[in-house]
Amino acid sequence: MSTIVEASVPTEQFALQVTCRRLPDAVFEAVRVVTDGTDEVMPLVWGSGADRGTLTETLDEDPSVDGVSVCTQVHEASLYRLTWTTRVPVVTGLLVAGRGVILGAQAQGGTWTFRLLFPQRDAVAAIVESCDRYGVDARIERIYPMTESSRAGQSDLTEHQLQTVEVALERGYYDVPRGTSLTELAEELDVSHQALSERLRRGHRRLVAATLGAHLDRESRP
């Protein structure tokens, strides 16, 4: 059964150490968008808890950020598109241990907290081992199965979307390089290539919306 792992890493070992130190009340919500097929890690970050101008300026000066642009502003929060330095994809690679997906992450104070999805529970040992090897102080905060109730409550996926995303994860569709293709998944699930592609996009959209906290319109078709 797929497993959710919540893990934390100090900001000084990952990202935004300077920003969090200068703006201790700031909160950041980051997401890895899993639909684009690129190596881009957590490009979208919600920032709040500080003056917008100060927050943007501080992010731009943070050594862990190579580039920053404002995508949109909602109430007191700003959605940023960030280009990270090389350390960020290295550490996220250690956290997923080549087998997981980053559903979301939050930075507040001096700590990043990650929410990770793995096909099997034994991935936790791989996280600890890989992080220890490279001197990253990753702490496992919580482990729990991706049960029907927890999945529906947090992402509002339909039954078909849950099954499709879970099978795709288990077969290595999200691995780099990919362990399977859309065509192979479509054959296994006995659906057309187009139907599978649309189902995955809708599932990804809901996962991202749930993690971002955005109130996107829900699509009714599986």
Protein backbone atom coordinates (compact mmCIF):
# COMPACT_ATOMS: atom_id res chain seq x y z
CA MET A 1 0.00 0.00 0.00
CA SER A 2 1.21 3.51 -0.78
CA THR A 3 2.58 5.41 2.20
CA ILE A 4 2.70 9.05 3.21
CA VAL A 5 5.88 10.18 4.99
CA GLU A 6 6.20 13.53 6.75
CA ALA A 7 9.82 14.55 7.26
CA SER A 8 11.58 17.73 8.39
CA VAL A 9 14.92 19.29 7.44
CA PRO A 10 16.57 22.43 8.90
CA THR A 11 16.46 25.44 6.56
CA GLU A 12 20.25 25.78 6.67
CA GLN A 13 20.54 22.35 5.06
CA PHE A 14 17.94 22.99 2.39
CA ALA A 15 16.68 26.46 1.46
CA LEU A 16 15.53 29.91 2.62
CA GLN A 17 17.69 30.00 5.73
CA VAL A 18 18.44 33.72 5.28
CA THR A 19 14.82 34.61 4.47
CA CYS A 20 13.43 32.71 7.46
CA ARG A 21 16.02 34.26 9.77
CA ARG A 22 15.30 37.81 8.59
CA LEU A 23 11.51 37.29 8.51
CA PRO A 24 10.73 34.87 11.38
CA ASP A 25 6.96 35.21 10.95
CA ALA A 26 7.03 34.32 7.25
CA VAL A 27 5.46 31.06 6.13
CA PHE A 28 6.16 29.31 2.83
CA GLU A 29 4.08 26.60 1.17
CA ALA A 30 5.84 24.83 -1.68
CA VAL A 31 4.66 22.28 -4.19
CA ARG A 32 6.29 20.07 -6.75
CA VAL A 33 4.13 20.02 -9.85
CA VAL A 34 4.24 16.42 -11.08
CA THR A 35 2.55 16.92 -14.47
CA ASP A 36 5.20 18.67 -16.55
CA GLY A 37 7.75 15.87 -16.84
CA THR A 38 10.73 18.14 -16.17
CA ASP A 39 13.42 18.04 -13.52
CA GLU A 40 12.10 21.27 -12.01
CA VAL A 41 11.66 20.91 -8.25
CA MET A 42 9.08 22.87 -6.25
CA PRO A 43 8.86 25.82 -8.64
CA LEU A 44 5.76 27.33 -7.00
CA VAL A 45 5.88 28.74 -3.48
CA TRP A 46 3.20 30.60 -1.55
CA GLY A 47 4.71 33.22 0.76
CA SER A 48 2.85 35.00 3.56
CA GLY A 49 3.32 36.44 7.03
CA ALA A 50 5.38 39.47 5.95
CA ASP A 51 5.07 42.64 3.90
CA ARG A 52 4.91 41.66 0.21
CA GLY A 53 7.62 44.02 -0.92
CA THR A 54 9.96 43.00 1.87
CA LEU A 55 9.23 39.32 1.29
CA THR A 56 9.96 39.55 -2.44
CA GLU A 57 13.14 41.54 -1.89
CA THR A 58 14.39 39.13 0.78
CA LEU A 59 13.70 36.09 -1.40
CA ASP A 60 15.60 37.73 -4.25
CA GLU A 61 18.62 38.18 -1.95
CA ASP A 62 18.49 34.66 -0.48
CA PRO A 63 21.56 32.59 -1.48
CA SER A 64 19.41 29.50 -2.06
CA VAL A 65 17.36 31.26 -4.76
CA ASP A 66 18.67 31.92 -8.28
CA GLY A 67 15.57 33.70 -9.53
CA VAL A 68 12.19 34.87 -8.28
CA SER A 69 9.04 36.19 -9.94
CA VAL A 70 5.54 36.89 -8.63
CA CYS A 71 2.83 34.81 -10.31
CA THR A 72 -0.21 36.11 -8.45
CA GLN A 73 -1.36 37.61 -5.17
CA VAL A 74 -4.33 36.37 -3.14
CA HIS A 75 -5.31 38.24 0.01
CA GLU A 76 -2.16 38.38 2.15
CA ALA A 77 -0.24 35.70 0.23
CA SER A 78 1.89 35.85 -2.91
CA LEU A 79 2.54 32.94 -5.24
CA TYR A 80 6.18 32.95 -6.35
CA ARG A 81 7.92 31.04 -9.09
CA LEU A 82 11.41 30.26 -7.81
CA THR A 83 14.54 28.96 -9.45
CA TRP A 84 16.63 27.23 -6.81
CA THR A 85 20.36 26.70 -6.46
CA THR A 86 21.71 23.20 -6.98
CA ARG A 87 21.45 22.17 -3.32
CA VAL A 88 17.66 22.14 -3.38
CA PRO A 89 17.22 19.42 -6.06
CA VAL A 90 20.05 17.43 -4.45
CA VAL A 91 18.34 17.34 -1.04
CA THR A 92 14.88 16.66 -2.49
CA GLY A 93 16.44 13.81 -4.45
CA LEU A 94 17.73 12.34 -1.20
CA LEU A 95 14.30 12.70 0.42
CA VAL A 96 12.44 10.84 -2.31
CA ALA A 97 15.25 8.25 -2.57
CA GLY A 98 14.50 7.76 -6.27
CA ARG A 99 11.09 6.22 -5.58
CA GLY A 100 8.80 8.88 -4.17
CA VAL A 101 6.93 12.05 -5.09
CA ILE A 102 6.93 15.34 -3.21
CA LEU A 103 3.30 16.29 -2.61
CA GLY A 104 4.12 19.46 -0.73
CA ALA A 105 6.41 21.23 1.71
CA GLN A 106 6.23 24.04 4.24
CA ALA A 107 8.92 26.27 5.70
CA GLN A 108 8.42 28.19 8.93
CA GLY A 109 11.01 29.43 11.36
CA GLY A 110 14.06 27.27 10.87
CA THR A 111 12.45 24.12 9.53
CA TRP A 112 11.11 22.67 6.29
CA THR A 113 8.42 20.00 6.65
CA PHE A 114 7.85 17.73 3.65
CA ARG A 115 4.92 15.53 2.70
CA LEU A 116 6.13 12.63 0.55
CA LEU A 117 4.30 9.83 -1.23
CA PHE A 118 5.94 6.39 -1.64
CA PRO A 119 4.65 3.13 -3.14
CA GLN A 120 5.85 1.12 -0.14
CA ARG A 121 6.55 1.74 3.55
CA ASP A 122 10.12 0.41 3.32
CA ALA A 123 11.11 3.63 1.55
CA VAL A 124 11.54 5.26 4.97
CA ALA A 125 14.75 3.31 5.56
CA ALA A 126 16.07 4.52 2.20
CA ILE A 127 15.38 8.16 3.15
CA VAL A 128 17.27 7.85 6.42
CA GLU A 129 20.16 6.02 4.82
CA SER A 130 20.60 8.43 1.90
CA CYS A 131 20.32 11.54 4.08
CA ASP A 132 22.76 10.17 6.67
CA ARG A 133 25.26 9.38 3.94
CA TYR A 134 25.31 13.01 2.78
CA GLY A 135 25.04 14.67 6.18
CA VAL A 136 21.45 15.89 5.90
CA ASP A 137 19.61 15.93 9.24
CA ALA A 138 16.28 14.59 8.00
CA ARG A 139 13.85 13.72 10.77
CA ILE A 140 10.88 11.42 10.17
CA GLU A 141 7.89 13.06 11.86
CA ARG A 142 5.05 10.79 10.81
CA ILE A 143 4.32 7.73 8.65
CA TYR A 144 0.84 6.57 7.65
CA PRO A 145 -0.81 4.56 4.87
CA MET A 146 -2.52 6.38 2.04
CA THR A 147 -5.90 4.97 2.99
CA GLU A 148 -9.14 5.80 1.26
CA SER A 149 -10.21 8.15 4.06
CA SER A 150 -6.92 10.03 4.32
CA ARG A 151 -6.59 10.37 0.55
CA ALA A 152 -10.14 11.51 -0.06
CA GLY A 153 -10.00 13.93 2.85
CA GLN A 154 -6.81 15.64 1.72
CA SER A 155 -6.98 15.56 -2.06
CA ASP A 156 -10.61 14.75 -3.01
CA LEU A 157 -9.54 12.32 -5.72
CA THR A 158 -12.15 10.07 -7.28
CA GLU A 159 -11.78 6.30 -6.92
CA HIS A 160 -10.53 5.99 -10.52
CA GLN A 161 -8.02 8.82 -10.04
CA LEU A 162 -6.73 7.26 -6.81
CA GLN A 163 -6.22 3.91 -8.50
CA THR A 164 -4.52 5.46 -11.53
CA VAL A 165 -2.10 7.66 -9.59
CA GLU A 166 -1.23 4.81 -7.22
CA VAL A 167 -0.53 2.34 -10.05
CA ALA A 168 1.51 4.97 -11.90
CA LEU A 169 3.61 5.53 -8.79
CA GLU A 170 4.13 1.82 -8.16
CA ARG A 171 5.15 1.17 -11.79
CA GLY A 172 7.74 3.97 -11.76
CA TYR A 173 5.93 6.45 -14.01
CA TYR A 174 7.18 9.36 -11.86
CA ASP A 175 10.76 8.07 -11.67
CA VAL A 176 13.59 9.77 -13.58
CA PRO A 177 14.02 8.09 -16.01
CA ARG A 178 10.51 6.71 -16.12
CA GLY A 179 10.00 3.04 -15.38
CA THR A 180 6.89 2.78 -17.54
CA SER A 181 5.00 4.73 -20.19
CA LEU A 182 1.45 6.00 -20.59
CA THR A 183 0.87 3.36 -23.24
CA GLU A 184 1.94 0.55 -20.90
CA LEU A 185 -0.15 1.95 -18.04
CA ALA A 186 -3.17 2.28 -20.33
CA GLU A 187 -2.83 -1.37 -21.34
CA GLU A 188 -2.54 -2.49 -17.72
CA LEU A 189 -5.56 -0.46 -16.61
CA ASP A 190 -7.52 -1.38 -19.77
CA VAL A 191 -8.29 2.21 -20.77
CA SER A 192 -7.40 4.27 -23.82
CA HIS A 193 -4.20 6.34 -23.91
CA GLN A 194 -6.24 9.55 -24.05
CA ALA A 195 -8.54 8.55 -21.16
CA LEU A 196 -5.56 7.67 -18.99
CA SER A 197 -3.77 10.93 -19.79
CA GLU A 198 -6.88 12.96 -18.91
CA ARG A 199 -7.43 10.98 -15.69
CA LEU A 200 -3.83 11.56 -14.57
CA ARG A 201 -4.02 15.28 -15.33
CA ARG A 202 -7.22 15.62 -13.31
CA GLY A 203 -5.72 13.63 -10.44
CA HIS A 204 -2.53 15.71 -10.48
CA ARG A 205 -4.56 18.91 -10.58
CA ARG A 206 -6.50 17.92 -7.47
CA LEU A 207 -3.36 16.84 -5.61
CA VAL A 208 -1.68 20.14 -6.42
CA ALA A 209 -4.81 22.14 -5.56
CA ALA A 210 -5.13 20.37 -2.21
CA THR A 211 -1.49 21.00 -1.36
CA LEU A 212 -1.59 24.62 -2.46
CA GLY A 213 -4.80 25.17 -0.58
CA ALA A 214 -6.35 26.68 -3.71
CA HIS A 215 -10.09 26.51 -4.22
CA LEU A 216 -10.11 25.23 -7.79
CA ASP A 217 -13.25 23.99 -9.42
CA ARG A 218 -13.65 20.25 -9.04
CA GLU A 219 -14.16 18.23 -12.21
CA SER A 220 -16.80 15.56 -11.93
CA ARG A 221 -15.58 13.05 -14.54
CA PRO A 222 -13.15 10.28 -13.45
